[in-house]
Amino acid sequence: MSFPLHAVLPGGVDDPAAPSGGNRYDREVLNRMPAAAREVVGAWPRPAAADRDRLSRVLAEFPDGATVLLDGLVACGVPEVLEPHAARLRLVILVHLPLSDETGLSPAEAAELRARERRALHLAAGVVATSDQAAAHVAAMHDLARVHVAAPGVDRAEPAVPSPGGHRLLCVASLTHRKGQDLLIKALAQLTDLTWECTFVGAGTKPDAPMTGNIRFAGALAGAELAAAYADADLFVLPSRGETYGMVITEALARGLPVVATEVGGVPEALGSTPAGVPGTLLPPEDPDRLAAVLRTWLTDPELRDRWRARARARRETLTGWDETARRLTAILHDIEKGTR
């Protein structure tokens, strides 16, 4: 593969006040590759005219024939900016989340973003997604012959020490409608007769829902503070309405934490399984009553807790690191350059 690899990322990928799975993926992978990354600040995927012009200037600076890896948040909303450069550059687009899959969009907004993304992806020499499910979804949505997969890695950490009653619940995700924190709060409202506490970690606006004193919003955490939040938990809960993978799930499993999550997108791939079974459980989305029932069983059944913890520890041993993700992405880019995509 031609080096250095050129990469274009949304500005702010290292901002601890606005962490995201996509930003973390970009940073971890490119730190392990000989890549020359450029950040382009803007309100992506709907940038102002000045931001579009800035992206166009950045692309114009790359030499003819260069391979350029673009974060889909930047690339997929502006096919008209990519088009003048598509013939002379080898554009590869990394799709973390299809633009039209974001929750809260009107049908008209979703349709417009889907059409823009389709144009952008058909200009690319290659498209990469972060799970098998996401790759199949993007390929079907946009009539692509192939979408490559480079699944996220994870850093294995010290296993969390469980409490006797398993009462410490943790949810790590940006506070948005898509992540479903409001559903977890509704489920917890049905468990006031039990002992539990739930910590929400993530940037954003708190859900507009009645809350008990057992709920704590810790804001965005990173580094040692985030590691401490995982270490002080018994069960990880992710009630998302949509996910392409769910990196926080493998981060929880890397500490031996069982996981309760919704069966959406690539979440089943992230959660995985062991010969003894799933290290937790998967639930349908938008079902706080079912979630409440599962949490009640977790809090009242010591044998279930022991089974799930054993499976989580076993799953921890099978997790792969970011070096493997970087190796896989490098191989994909090499194949694209050779024309074997």
C-alpha atoms as a PDB file:
ATOM      1  CA  MET A   1       0.000   0.000   0.000  1.00  0.00           C
ATOM      2  CA  SER A   2       1.180   3.548  -0.766  1.00  0.00           C
ATOM      3  CA  PHE A   3       2.226   5.438   2.340  1.00  0.00           C
ATOM      4  CA  PRO A   4       1.625   7.657   4.019  1.00  0.00           C
ATOM      5  CA  LEU A   5      -2.078   7.049   4.028  1.00  0.00           C
ATOM      6  CA  HIS A   6      -4.037  10.280   3.914  1.00  0.00           C
ATOM      7  CA  ALA A   7      -7.079  10.545   6.176  1.00  0.00           C
ATOM      8  CA  VAL A   8      -9.783  13.162   6.595  1.00  0.00           C
ATOM      9  CA  LEU A   9     -11.635  13.277   9.910  1.00  0.00           C
ATOM     10  CA  PRO A  10     -14.267  15.496  11.472  1.00  0.00           C
ATOM     11  CA  GLY A  11     -12.719  18.161  13.657  1.00  0.00           C
ATOM     12  CA  GLY A  12     -12.774  17.412  17.369  1.00  0.00           C
ATOM     13  CA  VAL A  13     -11.976  13.680  17.336  1.00  0.00           C
ATOM     14  CA  ASP A  14      -9.808  14.200  20.418  1.00  0.00           C
ATOM     15  CA  ASP A  15     -12.303  16.383  22.289  1.00  0.00           C
ATOM     16  CA  PRO A  16     -12.931  14.687  25.668  1.00  0.00           C
ATOM     17  CA  ALA A  17     -16.115  16.724  26.076  1.00  0.00           C
ATOM     18  CA  ALA A  18     -17.667  15.115  23.013  1.00  0.00           C
ATOM     19  CA  PRO A  19     -16.495  11.507  22.841  1.00  0.00           C
ATOM     20  CA  SER A  20     -18.061   9.069  20.433  1.00  0.00           C
ATOM     21  CA  GLY A  21     -17.427   5.561  19.212  1.00  0.00           C
ATOM     22  CA  GLY A  22     -16.587   6.814  15.724  1.00  0.00           C
ATOM     23  CA  ASN A  23     -14.064   9.313  17.039  1.00  0.00           C
ATOM     24  CA  ARG A  24     -12.478   6.687  19.265  1.00  0.00           C
ATOM     25  CA  TYR A  25     -12.234   4.229  16.365  1.00  0.00           C
ATOM     26  CA  ASP A  26     -10.584   6.818  14.106  1.00  0.00           C
ATOM     27  CA  ARG A  27      -8.038   7.784  16.756  1.00  0.00           C
ATOM     28  CA  GLU A  28      -7.146   4.240  17.811  1.00  0.00           C
ATOM     29  CA  VAL A  29      -6.716   2.913  14.285  1.00  0.00           C
ATOM     30  CA  LEU A  30      -4.845   5.848  12.767  1.00  0.00           C
ATOM     31  CA  ASN A  31      -2.464   5.952  15.727  1.00  0.00           C
ATOM     32  CA  ARG A  32      -1.392   2.452  14.649  1.00  0.00           C
ATOM     33  CA  MET A  33      -0.994   3.215  10.941  1.00  0.00           C
ATOM     34  CA  PRO A  34       1.463   5.439   9.035  1.00  0.00           C
ATOM     35  CA  ALA A  35      -1.300   7.935   8.324  1.00  0.00           C
ATOM     36  CA  ALA A  36      -1.265  11.674   7.717  1.00  0.00           C
ATOM     37  CA  ALA A  37      -4.620  12.751   9.169  1.00  0.00           C
ATOM     38  CA  ARG A  38      -6.299  16.082   8.514  1.00  0.00           C
ATOM     39  CA  GLU A  39      -9.210  17.326  10.599  1.00  0.00           C
ATOM     40  CA  VAL A  40     -11.929  19.410   8.965  1.00  0.00           C
ATOM     41  CA  VAL A  41     -14.118  21.309  11.378  1.00  0.00           C
ATOM     42  CA  GLY A  42     -17.753  21.693  10.402  1.00  0.00           C
ATOM     43  CA  ALA A  43     -21.359  20.903  11.250  1.00  0.00           C
ATOM     44  CA  TRP A  44     -21.166  17.555   9.456  1.00  0.00           C
ATOM     45  CA  PRO A  45     -23.069  16.101   7.679  1.00  0.00           C
ATOM     46  CA  ARG A  46     -24.639  19.510   6.930  1.00  0.00           C
ATOM     47  CA  PRO A  47     -21.651  21.858   6.789  1.00  0.00           C
ATOM     48  CA  ALA A  48     -21.698  25.555   6.059  1.00  0.00           C
ATOM     49  CA  ALA A  49     -20.345  26.803   2.741  1.00  0.00           C
ATOM     50  CA  ALA A  50     -17.010  27.728   4.329  1.00  0.00           C
ATOM     51  CA  ASP A  51     -16.632  24.186   5.684  1.00  0.00           C
ATOM     52  CA  ARG A  52     -17.357  22.679   2.281  1.00  0.00           C
ATOM     53  CA  ASP A  53     -14.727  24.953   0.733  1.00  0.00           C
ATOM     54  CA  ARG A  54     -12.222  23.921   3.402  1.00  0.00           C
ATOM     55  CA  LEU A  55     -12.815  20.229   2.682  1.00  0.00           C
ATOM     56  CA  SER A  56     -12.410  20.840  -1.046  1.00  0.00           C
ATOM     57  CA  ARG A  57      -9.083  22.607  -0.457  1.00  0.00           C
ATOM     58  CA  VAL A  58      -7.862  19.741   1.731  1.00  0.00           C
ATOM     59  CA  LEU A  59      -8.709  17.188  -0.962  1.00  0.00           C
ATOM     60  CA  ALA A  60      -7.028  19.341  -3.615  1.00  0.00           C
ATOM     61  CA  GLU A  61      -3.759  19.211  -1.668  1.00  0.00           C
ATOM     62  CA  PHE A  62      -3.469  15.418  -1.910  1.00  0.00           C
ATOM     63  CA  PRO A  63      -1.283  14.126  -4.773  1.00  0.00           C
ATOM     64  CA  ASP A  64      -2.797  12.361  -7.755  1.00  0.00           C
ATOM     65  CA  GLY A  65      -3.347   8.665  -7.118  1.00  0.00           C
ATOM     66  CA  ALA A  66      -3.276   9.014  -3.337  1.00  0.00           C
ATOM     67  CA  THR A  67      -5.434   6.770  -1.172  1.00  0.00           C
ATOM     68  CA  VAL A  68      -7.589   8.947   1.077  1.00  0.00           C
ATOM     69  CA  LEU A  69      -9.586   7.463   3.935  1.00  0.00           C
ATOM     70  CA  LEU A  70     -12.549   9.677   4.826  1.00  0.00           C
ATOM     71  CA  ASP A  71     -14.756   9.429   7.882  1.00  0.00           C
ATOM     72  CA  GLY A  72     -18.304   8.958   6.627  1.00  0.00           C
ATOM     73  CA  LEU A  73     -19.632  11.764   8.797  1.00  0.00           C
ATOM     74  CA  VAL A  74     -17.574  14.189   6.704  1.00  0.00           C
ATOM     75  CA  ALA A  75     -17.848  12.509   3.320  1.00  0.00           C
ATOM     76  CA  CYS A  76     -21.356  11.133   3.035  1.00  0.00           C
ATOM     77  CA  GLY A  77     -23.257  14.416   3.199  1.00  0.00           C
ATOM     78  CA  VAL A  78     -21.252  16.263   0.531  1.00  0.00           C
ATOM     79  CA  PRO A  79     -20.970  14.156  -2.657  1.00  0.00           C
ATOM     80  CA  GLU A  80     -20.711  17.368  -4.706  1.00  0.00           C
ATOM     81  CA  VAL A  81     -17.445  18.177  -2.893  1.00  0.00           C
ATOM     82  CA  LEU A  82     -16.023  14.705  -3.471  1.00  0.00           C
ATOM     83  CA  GLU A  83     -16.993  14.484  -7.147  1.00  0.00           C
ATOM     84  CA  PRO A  84     -14.259  16.748  -8.632  1.00  0.00           C
ATOM     85  CA  HIS A  85     -11.599  14.687  -6.826  1.00  0.00           C
ATOM     86  CA  ALA A  86     -12.988  11.171  -7.275  1.00  0.00           C
ATOM     87  CA  ALA A  87     -11.204  10.440 -10.574  1.00  0.00           C
ATOM     88  CA  ARG A  88      -7.700  11.441  -9.456  1.00  0.00           C
ATOM     89  CA  LEU A  89      -7.841  10.214  -5.834  1.00  0.00           C
ATOM     90  CA  ARG A  90      -8.605   6.767  -4.450  1.00  0.00           C
ATOM     91  CA  LEU A  91     -11.367   7.669  -1.986  1.00  0.00           C
ATOM     92  CA  VAL A  92     -12.241   5.136   0.705  1.00  0.00           C
ATOM     93  CA  ILE A  93     -15.157   5.983   3.007  1.00  0.00           C
ATOM     94  CA  LEU A  94     -15.436   4.595   6.521  1.00  0.00           C
ATOM     95  CA  VAL A  95     -19.128   4.475   7.508  1.00  0.00           C
ATOM     96  CA  HIS A  96     -19.633   4.431  11.267  1.00  0.00           C
ATOM     97  CA  LEU A  97     -23.394   5.095  11.061  1.00  0.00           C
ATOM     98  CA  PRO A  98     -25.457   5.600   7.899  1.00  0.00           C
ATOM     99  CA  LEU A  99     -26.626   9.203   7.966  1.00  0.00           C
ATOM    100  CA  SER A 100     -30.299   8.359   7.545  1.00  0.00           C
ATOM    101  CA  ASP A 101     -30.185   5.894  10.454  1.00  0.00           C
ATOM    102  CA  GLU A 102     -29.842   8.646  13.031  1.00  0.00           C
ATOM    103  CA  THR A 103     -33.012   8.889  15.115  1.00  0.00           C
ATOM    104  CA  GLY A 104     -35.106  12.051  15.249  1.00  0.00           C
ATOM    105  CA  LEU A 105     -35.000  12.755  11.516  1.00  0.00           C
ATOM    106  CA  SER A 106     -38.143  13.561   9.556  1.00  0.00           C
ATOM    107  CA  PRO A 107     -38.879  11.259   6.592  1.00  0.00           C
ATOM    108  CA  ALA A 108     -37.847  14.038   4.221  1.00  0.00           C
ATOM    109  CA  GLU A 109     -34.558  14.646   6.049  1.00  0.00           C
ATOM    110  CA  ALA A 110     -33.756  10.937   6.135  1.00  0.00           C
ATOM    111  CA  ALA A 111     -34.492  10.566   2.416  1.00  0.00           C
ATOM    112  CA  GLU A 112     -32.269  13.524   1.520  1.00  0.00           C
ATOM    113  CA  LEU A 113     -29.361  12.261   3.612  1.00  0.00           C
ATOM    114  CA  ARG A 114     -29.780   8.747   2.201  1.00  0.00           C
ATOM    115  CA  ALA A 115     -29.627  10.085  -1.351  1.00  0.00           C
ATOM    116  CA  ARG A 116     -26.521  12.157  -0.591  1.00  0.00           C
ATOM    117  CA  GLU A 117     -24.808   9.228   1.069  1.00  0.00           C
ATOM    118  CA  ARG A 118     -25.619   6.978  -1.877  1.00  0.00           C
ATOM    119  CA  ARG A 119     -23.995   9.430  -4.302  1.00  0.00           C
ATOM    120  CA  ALA A 120     -20.918   9.750  -2.107  1.00  0.00           C
ATOM    121  CA  LEU A 121     -20.418   6.011  -1.643  1.00  0.00           C
ATOM    122  CA  HIS A 122     -20.732   5.346  -5.369  1.00  0.00           C
ATOM    123  CA  LEU A 123     -17.882   7.824  -5.944  1.00  0.00           C
ATOM    124  CA  ALA A 124     -15.602   5.859  -3.615  1.00  0.00           C
ATOM    125  CA  ALA A 125     -13.087   3.207  -4.617  1.00  0.00           C
ATOM    126  CA  GLY A 126     -14.068   1.317  -1.478  1.00  0.00           C
ATOM    127  CA  VAL A 127     -16.403   1.447   1.513  1.00  0.00           C
ATOM    128  CA  VAL A 128     -15.646   0.138   5.007  1.00  0.00           C
ATOM    129  CA  ALA A 129     -18.084  -0.580   7.858  1.00  0.00           C
ATOM    130  CA  THR A 130     -17.491  -1.694  11.435  1.00  0.00           C
ATOM    131  CA  SER A 131     -19.597  -4.863  11.617  1.00  0.00           C
ATOM    132  CA  ASP A 132     -20.892  -7.569   9.313  1.00  0.00           C
ATOM    133  CA  GLN A 133     -24.459  -6.426   9.920  1.00  0.00           C
ATOM    134  CA  ALA A 134     -23.611  -2.805   9.163  1.00  0.00           C
ATOM    135  CA  ALA A 135     -21.780  -3.800   5.982  1.00  0.00           C
ATOM    136  CA  ALA A 136     -24.756  -5.809   4.728  1.00  0.00           C
ATOM    137  CA  HIS A 137     -27.114  -2.971   5.633  1.00  0.00           C
ATOM    138  CA  VAL A 138     -25.063  -0.308   3.826  1.00  0.00           C
ATOM    139  CA  ALA A 139     -24.562  -2.535   0.775  1.00  0.00           C
ATOM    140  CA  ALA A 140     -28.288  -3.278   0.485  1.00  0.00           C
ATOM    141  CA  MET A 141     -29.340   0.322   1.110  1.00  0.00           C
ATOM    142  CA  HIS A 142     -27.044   1.746  -1.554  1.00  0.00           C
ATOM    143  CA  ASP A 143     -26.757  -1.130  -4.066  1.00  0.00           C
ATOM    144  CA  LEU A 144     -23.043  -1.639  -3.450  1.00  0.00           C
ATOM    145  CA  ALA A 145     -21.383  -4.832  -4.631  1.00  0.00           C
ATOM    146  CA  ARG A 146     -19.185  -5.017  -1.541  1.00  0.00           C
ATOM    147  CA  VAL A 147     -18.617  -3.276   1.769  1.00  0.00           C
ATOM    148  CA  HIS A 148     -15.521  -4.276   3.719  1.00  0.00           C
ATOM    149  CA  VAL A 149     -15.512  -4.867   7.485  1.00  0.00           C
ATOM    150  CA  ALA A 150     -12.928  -3.770  10.037  1.00  0.00           C
ATOM    151  CA  ALA A 151     -14.480  -4.395  13.438  1.00  0.00           C
ATOM    152  CA  PRO A 152     -13.408  -2.241  16.405  1.00  0.00           C
ATOM    153  CA  GLY A 153     -10.832  -3.529  18.852  1.00  0.00           C
ATOM    154  CA  VAL A 154     -10.704  -3.131  22.601  1.00  0.00           C
ATOM    155  CA  ASP A 155      -8.070  -2.822  25.305  1.00  0.00           C
ATOM    156  CA  ARG A 156      -8.375  -5.645  27.809  1.00  0.00           C
ATOM    157  CA  ALA A 157      -8.527  -4.290  31.373  1.00  0.00           C
ATOM    158  CA  GLU A 158      -8.474  -5.591  34.917  1.00  0.00           C
ATOM    159  CA  PRO A 159     -11.705  -7.489  35.667  1.00  0.00           C
ATOM    160  CA  ALA A 160     -14.219  -5.570  37.779  1.00  0.00           C
ATOM    161  CA  VAL A 161     -14.756  -6.939  41.284  1.00  0.00           C
ATOM    162  CA  PRO A 162     -18.479  -7.787  41.642  1.00  0.00           C
ATOM    163  CA  SER A 163     -20.560  -6.686  44.598  1.00  0.00           C
ATOM    164  CA  PRO A 164     -22.583  -9.382  46.429  1.00  0.00           C
ATOM    165  CA  GLY A 165     -25.971  -8.189  45.196  1.00  0.00           C
ATOM    166  CA  GLY A 166     -24.950  -7.008  41.730  1.00  0.00           C
ATOM    167  CA  HIS A 167     -26.735  -3.702  42.378  1.00  0.00           C
ATOM    168  CA  ARG A 168     -24.378  -1.357  40.465  1.00  0.00           C
ATOM    169  CA  LEU A 169     -25.701  -0.719  36.939  1.00  0.00           C
ATOM    170  CA  LEU A 170     -23.778   1.244  34.319  1.00  0.00           C
ATOM    171  CA  CYS A 171     -24.714   2.779  30.963  1.00  0.00           C
ATOM    172  CA  VAL A 172     -22.009   4.483  28.881  1.00  0.00           C
ATOM    173  CA  ALA A 173     -23.309   6.313  25.808  1.00  0.00           C
ATOM    174  CA  SER A 174     -23.928   9.831  24.543  1.00  0.00           C
ATOM    175  CA  LEU A 175     -27.196  11.156  25.930  1.00  0.00           C
ATOM    176  CA  THR A 176     -29.246  11.011  22.748  1.00  0.00           C
ATOM    177  CA  HIS A 177     -32.584   9.536  21.759  1.00  0.00           C
ATOM    178  CA  ARG A 178     -30.850   6.809  19.724  1.00  0.00           C
ATOM    179  CA  LYS A 179     -29.033   5.486  22.784  1.00  0.00           C
ATOM    180  CA  GLY A 180     -32.316   4.925  24.664  1.00  0.00           C
ATOM    181  CA  GLN A 181     -31.448   6.130  28.165  1.00  0.00           C
ATOM    182  CA  ASP A 182     -35.081   7.150  28.564  1.00  0.00           C
ATOM    183  CA  LEU A 183     -36.079   3.490  28.161  1.00  0.00           C
ATOM    184  CA  LEU A 184     -33.707   2.399  30.906  1.00  0.00           C
ATOM    185  CA  ILE A 185     -35.057   5.086  33.237  1.00  0.00           C
ATOM    186  CA  LYS A 186     -38.605   3.860  32.588  1.00  0.00           C
ATOM    187  CA  ALA A 187     -37.516   0.302  33.364  1.00  0.00           C
ATOM    188  CA  LEU A 188     -35.803   1.338  36.577  1.00  0.00           C
ATOM    189  CA  ALA A 189     -38.983   3.099  37.725  1.00  0.00           C
ATOM    190  CA  GLN A 190     -40.519  -0.382  37.999  1.00  0.00           C
ATOM    191  CA  LEU A 191     -37.806  -1.566  40.419  1.00  0.00           C
ATOM    192  CA  THR A 192     -38.237   0.802  43.346  1.00  0.00           C
ATOM    193  CA  ASP A 193     -38.832  -2.162  45.676  1.00  0.00           C
ATOM    194  CA  LEU A 194     -35.265  -3.402  45.040  1.00  0.00           C
ATOM    195  CA  THR A 195     -31.816  -2.084  45.892  1.00  0.00           C
ATOM    196  CA  TRP A 196     -29.881  -0.746  42.923  1.00  0.00           C
ATOM    197  CA  GLU A 197     -28.011   2.274  41.644  1.00  0.00           C
ATOM    198  CA  CYS A 198     -27.482   3.293  38.040  1.00  0.00           C
ATOM    199  CA  THR A 199     -24.758   5.552  36.654  1.00  0.00           C
ATOM    200  CA  PHE A 200     -25.132   7.149  33.219  1.00  0.00           C
ATOM    201  CA  VAL A 201     -21.860   8.227  31.604  1.00  0.00           C
ATOM    202  CA  GLY A 202     -22.005  10.394  28.502  1.00  0.00           C
ATOM    203  CA  ALA A 203     -22.255  13.906  27.145  1.00  0.00           C
ATOM    204  CA  GLY A 204     -25.590  15.441  26.240  1.00  0.00           C
ATOM    205  CA  THR A 205     -28.928  16.451  27.708  1.00  0.00           C
ATOM    206  CA  LYS A 206     -30.561  14.337  30.383  1.00  0.00           C
ATOM    207  CA  PRO A 207     -33.748  12.564  29.237  1.00  0.00           C
ATOM    208  CA  ASP A 208     -37.008  14.229  30.187  1.00  0.00           C
ATOM    209  CA  ALA A 209     -38.277  11.443  32.442  1.00  0.00           C
ATOM    210  CA  PRO A 210     -39.065  11.058  36.167  1.00  0.00           C
ATOM    211  CA  MET A 211     -35.992   9.866  38.034  1.00  0.00           C
ATOM    212  CA  THR A 212     -35.269   8.408  41.439  1.00  0.00           C
ATOM    213  CA  GLY A 213     -32.391   9.309  43.701  1.00  0.00           C
ATOM    214  CA  ASN A 214     -30.605   6.100  42.710  1.00  0.00           C
ATOM    215  CA  ILE A 215     -29.803   7.506  39.262  1.00  0.00           C
ATOM    216  CA  ARG A 216     -26.624   9.506  38.699  1.00  0.00           C
ATOM    217  CA  PHE A 217     -25.458  11.327  35.580  1.00  0.00           C
ATOM    218  CA  ALA A 218     -21.674  11.545  35.595  1.00  0.00           C
ATOM    219  CA  GLY A 219     -21.237  13.458  32.326  1.00  0.00           C
ATOM    220  CA  ALA A 220     -18.567  12.605  29.764  1.00  0.00           C
ATOM    221  CA  LEU A 221     -15.682  10.642  31.260  1.00  0.00           C
ATOM    222  CA  ALA A 222     -12.415   9.482  29.752  1.00  0.00           C
ATOM    223  CA  GLY A 223      -9.175   7.856  30.810  1.00  0.00           C
ATOM    224  CA  ALA A 224      -8.855   6.896  34.455  1.00  0.00           C
ATOM    225  CA  GLU A 225     -12.289   8.312  35.334  1.00  0.00           C
ATOM    226  CA  LEU A 226     -14.024   6.160  32.735  1.00  0.00           C
ATOM    227  CA  ALA A 227     -12.003   3.114  33.771  1.00  0.00           C
ATOM    228  CA  ALA A 228     -13.087   3.713  37.375  1.00  0.00           C
ATOM    229  CA  ALA A 229     -16.743   3.819  36.313  1.00  0.00           C
ATOM    230  CA  TYR A 230     -16.421   0.399  34.664  1.00  0.00           C
ATOM    231  CA  ALA A 231     -14.507  -0.964  37.666  1.00  0.00           C
ATOM    232  CA  ASP A 232     -17.304   0.164  40.002  1.00  0.00           C
ATOM    233  CA  ALA A 233     -20.063  -1.656  38.078  1.00  0.00           C
ATOM    234  CA  ASP A 234     -21.726  -5.072  38.164  1.00  0.00           C
ATOM    235  CA  LEU A 235     -23.851  -5.004  35.009  1.00  0.00           C
ATOM    236  CA  PHE A 236     -23.574  -2.986  31.812  1.00  0.00           C
ATOM    237  CA  VAL A 237     -26.837  -1.893  30.158  1.00  0.00           C
ATOM    238  CA  LEU A 238     -27.168  -0.435  26.645  1.00  0.00           C
ATOM    239  CA  PRO A 239     -30.832   0.076  25.611  1.00  0.00           C
ATOM    240  CA  SER A 240     -30.061   1.608  22.184  1.00  0.00           C
ATOM    241  CA  ARG A 241     -32.601   2.070  19.442  1.00  0.00           C
ATOM    242  CA  GLY A 242     -29.819   1.672  16.886  1.00  0.00           C
ATOM    243  CA  GLU A 243     -26.125   0.706  16.805  1.00  0.00           C
ATOM    244  CA  THR A 244     -23.707  -0.280  14.061  1.00  0.00           C
ATOM    245  CA  TYR A 245     -21.539  -2.177  16.556  1.00  0.00           C
ATOM    246  CA  GLY A 246     -21.523  -0.900  20.144  1.00  0.00           C
ATOM    247  CA  MET A 247     -17.899  -0.471  21.201  1.00  0.00           C
ATOM    248  CA  VAL A 248     -18.886   0.175  24.807  1.00  0.00           C
ATOM    249  CA  ILE A 249     -20.150  -3.408  24.957  1.00  0.00           C
ATOM    250  CA  THR A 250     -16.711  -4.837  24.296  1.00  0.00           C
ATOM    251  CA  GLU A 251     -15.223  -2.278  26.693  1.00  0.00           C
ATOM    252  CA  ALA A 252     -17.530  -3.670  29.382  1.00  0.00           C
ATOM    253  CA  LEU A 253     -16.688  -7.261  28.453  1.00  0.00           C
ATOM    254  CA  ALA A 254     -12.993  -6.365  28.619  1.00  0.00           C
ATOM    255  CA  ARG A 255     -13.614  -5.890  32.363  1.00  0.00           C
ATOM    256  CA  GLY A 256     -15.603  -9.119  32.653  1.00  0.00           C
ATOM    257  CA  LEU A 257     -18.929  -7.269  33.017  1.00  0.00           C
ATOM    258  CA  PRO A 258     -22.086  -9.017  31.779  1.00  0.00           C
ATOM    259  CA  VAL A 259     -24.170  -6.999  29.341  1.00  0.00           C
ATOM    260  CA  VAL A 260     -27.878  -6.388  28.808  1.00  0.00           C
ATOM    261  CA  ALA A 261     -28.423  -4.730  25.435  1.00  0.00           C
ATOM    262  CA  THR A 262     -30.977  -4.367  22.675  1.00  0.00           C
ATOM    263  CA  GLU A 263     -30.706  -6.633  19.643  1.00  0.00           C
ATOM    264  CA  VAL A 264     -30.052  -3.956  17.045  1.00  0.00           C
ATOM    265  CA  GLY A 265     -27.445  -3.573  14.334  1.00  0.00           C
ATOM    266  CA  GLY A 266     -24.077  -5.098  15.100  1.00  0.00           C
ATOM    267  CA  VAL A 267     -24.699  -5.432  18.850  1.00  0.00           C
ATOM    268  CA  PRO A 268     -24.936  -9.258  18.707  1.00  0.00           C
ATOM    269  CA  GLU A 269     -21.492  -9.314  17.072  1.00  0.00           C
ATOM    270  CA  ALA A 270     -20.027  -7.128  19.815  1.00  0.00           C
ATOM    271  CA  LEU A 271     -21.628  -9.154  22.606  1.00  0.00           C
ATOM    272  CA  GLY A 272     -20.606 -12.472  21.085  1.00  0.00           C
ATOM    273  CA  SER A 273     -20.977 -15.779  22.868  1.00  0.00           C
ATOM    274  CA  THR A 274     -19.051 -18.500  24.680  1.00  0.00           C
ATOM    275  CA  PRO A 275     -19.435 -22.301  24.724  1.00  0.00           C
ATOM    276  CA  ALA A 276     -21.487 -21.803  27.893  1.00  0.00           C
ATOM    277  CA  GLY A 277     -23.767 -19.165  26.357  1.00  0.00           C
ATOM    278  CA  VAL A 278     -24.191 -15.405  25.891  1.00  0.00           C
ATOM    279  CA  PRO A 279     -22.480 -13.187  28.522  1.00  0.00           C
ATOM    280  CA  GLY A 280     -25.761 -11.450  29.339  1.00  0.00           C
ATOM    281  CA  THR A 281     -28.813 -11.119  27.146  1.00  0.00           C
ATOM    282  CA  LEU A 282     -30.249  -9.323  24.133  1.00  0.00           C
ATOM    283  CA  LEU A 283     -33.686  -7.703  24.191  1.00  0.00           C
ATOM    284  CA  PRO A 284     -35.948  -6.142  21.585  1.00  0.00           C
ATOM    285  CA  PRO A 285     -35.685  -2.333  21.409  1.00  0.00           C
ATOM    286  CA  GLU A 286     -38.370  -0.004  22.723  1.00  0.00           C
ATOM    287  CA  ASP A 287     -39.480  -2.425  25.459  1.00  0.00           C
ATOM    288  CA  PRO A 288     -38.884  -0.976  28.950  1.00  0.00           C
ATOM    289  CA  ASP A 289     -41.179  -3.578  30.543  1.00  0.00           C
ATOM    290  CA  ARG A 290     -39.051  -6.444  29.220  1.00  0.00           C
ATOM    291  CA  LEU A 291     -35.915  -4.614  30.302  1.00  0.00           C
ATOM    292  CA  ALA A 292     -37.344  -4.140  33.793  1.00  0.00           C
ATOM    293  CA  ALA A 293     -38.118  -7.848  34.034  1.00  0.00           C
ATOM    294  CA  VAL A 294     -34.570  -8.823  33.051  1.00  0.00           C
ATOM    295  CA  LEU A 295     -33.049  -6.376  35.525  1.00  0.00           C
ATOM    296  CA  ARG A 296     -35.335  -7.696  38.258  1.00  0.00           C
ATOM    297  CA  THR A 297     -34.119 -11.225  37.571  1.00  0.00           C
ATOM    298  CA  TRP A 298     -30.493 -10.070  37.630  1.00  0.00           C
ATOM    299  CA  LEU A 299     -30.975  -8.334  40.984  1.00  0.00           C
ATOM    300  CA  THR A 300     -32.811 -11.243  42.625  1.00  0.00           C
ATOM    301  CA  ASP A 301     -31.153 -14.358  41.175  1.00  0.00           C
ATOM    302  CA  PRO A 302     -27.572 -15.009  42.438  1.00  0.00           C
ATOM    303  CA  GLU A 303     -27.183 -18.083  40.223  1.00  0.00           C
ATOM    304  CA  LEU A 304     -27.989 -16.059  37.103  1.00  0.00           C
ATOM    305  CA  ARG A 305     -25.441 -13.456  38.133  1.00  0.00           C
ATOM    306  CA  ASP A 306     -22.789 -16.138  38.580  1.00  0.00           C
ATOM    307  CA  ARG A 307     -23.557 -17.674  35.160  1.00  0.00           C
ATOM    308  CA  TRP A 308     -23.441 -14.383  33.327  1.00  0.00           C
ATOM    309  CA  ARG A 309     -20.233 -13.334  35.088  1.00  0.00           C
ATOM    310  CA  ALA A 310     -18.513 -16.595  34.160  1.00  0.00           C
ATOM    311  CA  ARG A 311     -19.551 -16.173  30.529  1.00  0.00           C
ATOM    312  CA  ALA A 312     -18.374 -12.542  30.507  1.00  0.00           C
ATOM    313  CA  ARG A 313     -14.972 -13.579  31.826  1.00  0.00           C
ATOM    314  CA  ALA A 314     -14.758 -16.257  29.130  1.00  0.00           C
ATOM    315  CA  ARG A 315     -15.768 -13.787  26.421  1.00  0.00           C
ATOM    316  CA  ARG A 316     -13.111 -11.368  27.709  1.00  0.00           C
ATOM    317  CA  GLU A 317     -10.430 -13.888  26.723  1.00  0.00           C
ATOM    318  CA  THR A 318     -11.582 -13.914  23.082  1.00  0.00           C
ATOM    319  CA  LEU A 319     -11.583 -10.141  22.480  1.00  0.00           C
ATOM    320  CA  THR A 320      -9.149  -8.723  19.922  1.00  0.00           C
ATOM    321  CA  GLY A 321      -7.236  -5.457  20.241  1.00  0.00           C
ATOM    322  CA  TRP A 322      -6.890  -2.339  18.120  1.00  0.00           C
ATOM    323  CA  ASP A 323      -3.719  -3.669  16.504  1.00  0.00           C
ATOM    324  CA  GLU A 324      -5.874  -6.294  14.788  1.00  0.00           C
ATOM    325  CA  THR A 325      -8.325  -3.614  13.605  1.00  0.00           C
ATOM    326  CA  ALA A 326      -5.461  -1.573  12.141  1.00  0.00           C
ATOM    327  CA  ARG A 327      -4.029  -4.701  10.491  1.00  0.00           C
ATOM    328  CA  ARG A 328      -7.409  -5.521   8.956  1.00  0.00           C
ATOM    329  CA  LEU A 329      -7.975  -1.973   7.698  1.00  0.00           C
ATOM    330  CA  THR A 330      -4.480  -1.869   6.211  1.00  0.00           C
ATOM    331  CA  ALA A 331      -5.175  -5.112   4.363  1.00  0.00           C
ATOM    332  CA  ILE A 332      -8.468  -3.725   3.046  1.00  0.00           C
ATOM    333  CA  LEU A 333      -6.788  -0.562   1.757  1.00  0.00           C
ATOM    334  CA  HIS A 334      -4.059  -2.668   0.157  1.00  0.00           C
ATOM    335  CA  ASP A 335      -6.666  -4.761  -1.677  1.00  0.00           C
ATOM    336  CA  ILE A 336      -8.480  -1.635  -2.839  1.00  0.00           C
ATOM    337  CA  GLU A 337      -5.239  -0.197  -4.210  1.00  0.00           C
ATOM    338  CA  LYS A 338      -4.569  -3.431  -6.119  1.00  0.00           C
ATOM    339  CA  GLY A 339      -8.079  -3.358  -7.508  1.00  0.00           C
ATOM    340  CA  THR A 340      -9.052  -6.638  -5.845  1.00  0.00           C
ATOM    341  CA  ARG A 341     -11.934  -5.097  -3.893  1.00  0.00           C
END
